[in-house]
Amino acid sequence: MRDIIIRPLLTEKMTGINESQKKYGFVVDFDANKIDIARALKKKFEVDAIEVNTMKYKGKTKTQMTKRGRFTGKTPRFKKAIVTLKEGQTIDIFGEV
């Protein structure tokens, strides 16, 4: 079985949303659907997801000019999920005791 939840989104914007609206962000497997994400959250964190919103991001092409010529590369594509939990439930992302 593949890992559906890859890592939490720890950005300034997600921290603000987490504090005000009690939503959590995760980078998830690109092929995972909303039902898979909700089941993975229940299994891993033992919480119930009320709503799961997903966004897919394409990889960008990047070029860099150096003395040796032009180098072209690509950033990876990824999918992120914003999850709203049931009232009173939280996820301890930082592992604080």
N, C-alpha and C. Protein backbone atom coordinates (compact mmCIF):
# COMPACT_ATOMS: atom_id res chain seq x y z
N MET A 1 0.85 -1.20 0.00
CA MET A 1 0.00 0.00 0.00
C MET A 1 0.88 1.24 0.00
N ARG A 2 0.48 2.23 -0.75
CA ARG A 2 1.28 3.44 -0.86
C ARG A 2 0.97 4.41 0.28
N ASP A 3 1.90 5.29 0.56
CA ASP A 3 1.66 6.34 1.54
C ASP A 3 0.84 7.43 0.89
N ILE A 4 -0.30 7.74 1.44
CA ILE A 4 -1.16 8.76 0.87
C ILE A 4 -0.77 10.13 1.40
N ILE A 5 -0.56 10.23 2.70
CA ILE A 5 -0.16 11.50 3.30
C ILE A 5 1.37 11.54 3.30
N ILE A 6 1.94 12.48 2.55
CA ILE A 6 3.40 12.56 2.43
C ILE A 6 3.98 13.40 3.56
N ARG A 7 3.47 14.62 3.75
CA ARG A 7 3.97 15.48 4.83
C ARG A 7 2.96 16.60 5.08
N PRO A 8 3.00 17.22 6.25
CA PRO A 8 2.11 18.36 6.51
C PRO A 8 2.63 19.61 5.81
N LEU A 9 1.72 20.50 5.47
CA LEU A 9 2.08 21.80 4.90
C LEU A 9 2.36 22.75 6.05
N LEU A 10 3.59 23.19 6.17
CA LEU A 10 3.96 24.10 7.24
C LEU A 10 4.38 25.42 6.63
N THR A 11 3.39 26.22 6.26
CA THR A 11 3.64 27.54 5.70
C THR A 11 2.99 28.58 6.60
N GLU A 12 3.34 29.82 6.37
CA GLU A 12 2.76 30.90 7.17
C GLU A 12 1.25 31.00 6.96
N LYS A 13 0.83 30.84 5.74
CA LYS A 13 -0.60 30.91 5.42
C LYS A 13 -1.37 29.77 6.07
N MET A 14 -0.84 28.54 6.00
CA MET A 14 -1.52 27.39 6.61
C MET A 14 -1.56 27.51 8.13
N THR A 15 -0.53 28.08 8.74
CA THR A 15 -0.54 28.28 10.18
C THR A 15 -1.66 29.24 10.58
N GLY A 16 -1.86 30.30 9.80
CA GLY A 16 -2.95 31.25 10.07
C GLY A 16 -4.31 30.62 9.90
N ILE A 17 -4.49 29.81 8.86
CA ILE A 17 -5.76 29.12 8.64
C ILE A 17 -6.02 28.11 9.76
N ASN A 18 -4.98 27.43 10.19
CA ASN A 18 -5.11 26.44 11.26
C ASN A 18 -5.59 27.10 12.54
N GLU A 19 -5.02 28.25 12.89
CA GLU A 19 -5.40 28.93 14.13
C GLU A 19 -6.80 29.52 14.06
N SER A 20 -7.19 30.07 12.90
CA SER A 20 -8.48 30.75 12.83
C SER A 20 -9.63 29.83 12.45
N GLN A 21 -9.42 28.91 11.50
CA GLN A 21 -10.52 28.11 10.98
C GLN A 21 -10.42 26.62 11.32
N LYS A 22 -9.37 26.21 12.02
CA LYS A 22 -9.17 24.81 12.40
C LYS A 22 -9.13 23.88 11.19
N LYS A 23 -8.35 24.28 10.17
CA LYS A 23 -8.13 23.46 8.99
C LYS A 23 -6.66 23.07 8.95
N TYR A 24 -6.36 21.92 8.37
CA TYR A 24 -5.00 21.42 8.30
C TYR A 24 -4.64 21.14 6.85
N GLY A 25 -3.40 21.39 6.48
CA GLY A 25 -2.94 21.17 5.11
C GLY A 25 -1.90 20.07 5.05
N PHE A 26 -1.97 19.26 3.99
CA PHE A 26 -1.04 18.16 3.79
C PHE A 26 -0.66 18.06 2.33
N VAL A 27 0.58 17.68 2.06
CA VAL A 27 0.98 17.28 0.71
C VAL A 27 0.66 15.80 0.63
N VAL A 28 -0.12 15.42 -0.38
CA VAL A 28 -0.60 14.04 -0.49
C VAL A 28 -0.15 13.44 -1.82
N ASP A 29 -0.35 12.14 -1.95
CA ASP A 29 -0.03 11.42 -3.17
C ASP A 29 -0.83 12.01 -4.33
N PHE A 30 -0.18 12.16 -5.48
CA PHE A 30 -0.80 12.84 -6.61
C PHE A 30 -2.05 12.11 -7.12
N ASP A 31 -2.10 10.81 -6.98
CA ASP A 31 -3.22 10.03 -7.50
C ASP A 31 -4.30 9.74 -6.45
N ALA A 32 -4.12 10.22 -5.23
CA ALA A 32 -5.10 9.96 -4.17
C ALA A 32 -6.35 10.82 -4.37
N ASN A 33 -7.52 10.24 -4.08
CA ASN A 33 -8.75 11.02 -4.14
C ASN A 33 -9.16 11.44 -2.72
N LYS A 34 -10.24 12.19 -2.62
CA LYS A 34 -10.67 12.75 -1.33
C LYS A 34 -11.05 11.65 -0.34
N ILE A 35 -11.65 10.59 -0.81
CA ILE A 35 -12.05 9.49 0.07
C ILE A 35 -10.81 8.80 0.64
N ASP A 36 -9.81 8.57 -0.22
CA ASP A 36 -8.55 7.96 0.25
C ASP A 36 -7.87 8.84 1.30
N ILE A 37 -7.88 10.13 1.08
CA ILE A 37 -7.23 11.07 2.02
C ILE A 37 -7.95 11.04 3.37
N ALA A 38 -9.28 11.05 3.35
CA ALA A 38 -10.04 11.01 4.61
C ALA A 38 -9.79 9.70 5.36
N ARG A 39 -9.73 8.59 4.64
CA ARG A 39 -9.46 7.30 5.30
C ARG A 39 -8.04 7.25 5.88
N ALA A 40 -7.07 7.81 5.16
CA ALA A 40 -5.69 7.82 5.64
C ALA A 40 -5.56 8.67 6.90
N LEU A 41 -6.29 9.80 6.96
CA LEU A 41 -6.27 10.65 8.16
C LEU A 41 -6.88 9.92 9.35
N LYS A 42 -7.97 9.20 9.10
CA LYS A 42 -8.61 8.46 10.18
C LYS A 42 -7.68 7.37 10.72
N LYS A 43 -6.99 6.70 9.81
CA LYS A 43 -6.09 5.62 10.22
C LYS A 43 -4.84 6.15 10.93
N LYS A 44 -4.27 7.24 10.42
CA LYS A 44 -3.00 7.74 10.95
C LYS A 44 -3.17 8.59 12.21
N PHE A 45 -4.16 9.50 12.22
CA PHE A 45 -4.33 10.44 13.33
C PHE A 45 -5.57 10.19 14.18
N GLU A 46 -6.42 9.25 13.76
CA GLU A 46 -7.66 8.92 14.47
C GLU A 46 -8.58 10.13 14.62
N VAL A 47 -8.79 10.83 13.50
CA VAL A 47 -9.70 11.98 13.46
C VAL A 47 -10.66 11.79 12.29
N ASP A 48 -11.80 12.48 12.34
CA ASP A 48 -12.80 12.41 11.29
C ASP A 48 -12.76 13.68 10.46
N ALA A 49 -12.61 13.55 9.16
CA ALA A 49 -12.59 14.69 8.25
C ALA A 49 -14.01 14.98 7.77
N ILE A 50 -14.45 16.22 7.97
CA ILE A 50 -15.76 16.64 7.48
C ILE A 50 -15.66 17.03 6.01
N GLU A 51 -14.58 17.75 5.65
CA GLU A 51 -14.44 18.26 4.30
C GLU A 51 -12.97 18.12 3.87
N VAL A 52 -12.76 17.72 2.64
CA VAL A 52 -11.41 17.61 2.08
C VAL A 52 -11.40 18.37 0.75
N ASN A 53 -10.58 19.41 0.66
CA ASN A 53 -10.40 20.17 -0.58
C ASN A 53 -9.01 19.86 -1.12
N THR A 54 -8.91 19.58 -2.42
CA THR A 54 -7.62 19.23 -3.01
C THR A 54 -7.27 20.19 -4.13
N MET A 55 -5.96 20.37 -4.34
CA MET A 55 -5.43 21.19 -5.42
C MET A 55 -4.24 20.49 -6.04
N LYS A 56 -4.18 20.45 -7.36
CA LYS A 56 -3.05 19.86 -8.07
C LYS A 56 -2.18 20.98 -8.62
N TYR A 57 -0.87 20.80 -8.50
CA TYR A 57 0.09 21.77 -9.01
C TYR A 57 1.00 21.10 -10.03
N LYS A 58 1.15 21.71 -11.21
CA LYS A 58 2.04 21.20 -12.23
C LYS A 58 3.48 21.51 -11.85
N GLY A 59 4.41 20.72 -12.33
CA GLY A 59 5.82 21.02 -12.16
C GLY A 59 6.22 22.15 -13.10
N LYS A 60 7.05 23.06 -12.64
CA LYS A 60 7.48 24.18 -13.46
C LYS A 60 8.83 23.86 -14.11
N THR A 61 9.03 24.37 -15.32
CA THR A 61 10.31 24.24 -15.98
C THR A 61 11.19 25.41 -15.55
N LYS A 62 12.40 25.10 -15.11
CA LYS A 62 13.34 26.12 -14.66
C LYS A 62 14.59 26.06 -15.53
N THR A 63 15.13 27.21 -15.92
CA THR A 63 16.37 27.26 -16.66
C THR A 63 17.36 28.14 -15.91
N GLN A 64 18.63 27.81 -16.06
CA GLN A 64 19.68 28.56 -15.39
C GLN A 64 20.84 28.73 -16.35
N MET A 65 21.30 29.97 -16.50
CA MET A 65 22.45 30.24 -17.36
C MET A 65 23.71 30.27 -16.50
N THR A 66 24.73 29.54 -16.93
CA THR A 66 26.01 29.53 -16.24
C THR A 66 27.12 29.71 -17.28
N LYS A 67 28.35 29.72 -16.84
CA LYS A 67 29.49 29.82 -17.77
C LYS A 67 29.53 28.63 -18.72
N ARG A 68 29.05 27.49 -18.26
CA ARG A 68 29.10 26.27 -19.06
C ARG A 68 27.91 26.13 -20.00
N GLY A 69 26.97 27.06 -19.96
CA GLY A 69 25.82 26.99 -20.84
C GLY A 69 24.51 27.00 -20.07
N ARG A 70 23.45 26.68 -20.77
CA ARG A 70 22.12 26.69 -20.16
C ARG A 70 21.77 25.30 -19.65
N PHE A 71 21.23 25.26 -18.42
CA PHE A 71 20.76 24.02 -17.83
C PHE A 71 19.26 24.14 -17.63
N THR A 72 18.54 23.11 -18.03
CA THR A 72 17.09 23.10 -17.89
C THR A 72 16.70 21.95 -16.97
N GLY A 73 15.79 22.25 -16.06
CA GLY A 73 15.29 21.23 -15.15
C GLY A 73 13.81 21.44 -14.91
N LYS A 74 13.25 20.61 -14.08
CA LYS A 74 11.82 20.71 -13.80
C LYS A 74 11.57 20.45 -12.33
N THR A 75 10.69 21.24 -11.73
CA THR A 75 10.30 21.01 -10.34
C THR A 75 9.22 19.93 -10.33
N PRO A 76 9.11 19.16 -9.26
CA PRO A 76 8.13 18.07 -9.27
C PRO A 76 6.70 18.58 -9.13
N ARG A 77 5.77 17.82 -9.70
CA ARG A 77 4.35 18.13 -9.51
C ARG A 77 3.95 17.59 -8.14
N PHE A 78 2.90 18.19 -7.56
CA PHE A 78 2.42 17.72 -6.27
C PHE A 78 0.95 18.07 -6.10
N LYS A 79 0.36 17.45 -5.10
CA LYS A 79 -1.05 17.68 -4.79
C LYS A 79 -1.15 18.00 -3.31
N LYS A 80 -1.93 19.01 -2.98
CA LYS A 80 -2.12 19.32 -1.57
C LYS A 80 -3.59 19.23 -1.20
N ALA A 81 -3.83 18.93 0.07
CA ALA A 81 -5.19 18.77 0.57
C ALA A 81 -5.37 19.65 1.79
N ILE A 82 -6.48 20.38 1.84
CA ILE A 82 -6.86 21.17 3.00
C ILE A 82 -8.03 20.43 3.64
N VAL A 83 -7.87 20.04 4.92
CA VAL A 83 -8.82 19.17 5.59
C VAL A 83 -9.48 19.91 6.74
N THR A 84 -10.81 19.85 6.80
CA THR A 84 -11.58 20.38 7.93
C THR A 84 -11.99 19.20 8.79
N LEU A 85 -11.70 19.29 10.10
CA LEU A 85 -12.00 18.20 11.02
C LEU A 85 -13.31 18.45 11.76
N LYS A 86 -13.81 17.38 12.39
CA LYS A 86 -14.99 17.47 13.24
C LYS A 86 -14.71 18.41 14.40
N GLU A 87 -15.75 19.04 14.91
CA GLU A 87 -15.63 19.98 16.03
C GLU A 87 -14.98 19.31 17.23
N GLY A 88 -13.96 19.95 17.78
CA GLY A 88 -13.30 19.46 18.96
C GLY A 88 -12.12 18.54 18.71
N GLN A 89 -11.88 18.16 17.45
CA GLN A 89 -10.76 17.29 17.14
C GLN A 89 -9.58 18.12 16.63
N THR A 90 -8.37 17.71 16.96
CA THR A 90 -7.16 18.38 16.50
C THR A 90 -6.13 17.34 16.08
N ILE A 91 -5.14 17.81 15.32
CA ILE A 91 -4.01 16.97 14.92
C ILE A 91 -2.76 17.62 15.47
N ASP A 92 -1.94 16.86 16.16
CA ASP A 92 -0.70 17.36 16.71
C ASP A 92 0.40 17.16 15.67
N ILE A 93 0.59 18.17 14.82
CA ILE A 93 1.54 18.07 13.72
C ILE A 93 2.99 18.06 14.24
N PHE A 94 3.28 18.85 15.25
CA PHE A 94 4.65 18.99 15.72
C PHE A 94 5.06 17.92 16.71
N GLY A 95 4.15 17.06 17.15
CA GLY A 95 4.48 15.98 18.07
C GLY A 95 4.74 16.44 19.48
N GLU A 96 4.09 17.52 19.90
CA GLU A 96 4.27 18.04 21.25
C GLU A 96 3.54 17.16 22.26
N VAL A 97 4.14 16.96 23.41
CA VAL A 97 3.53 16.11 24.43
C VAL A 97 2.93 16.96 25.52
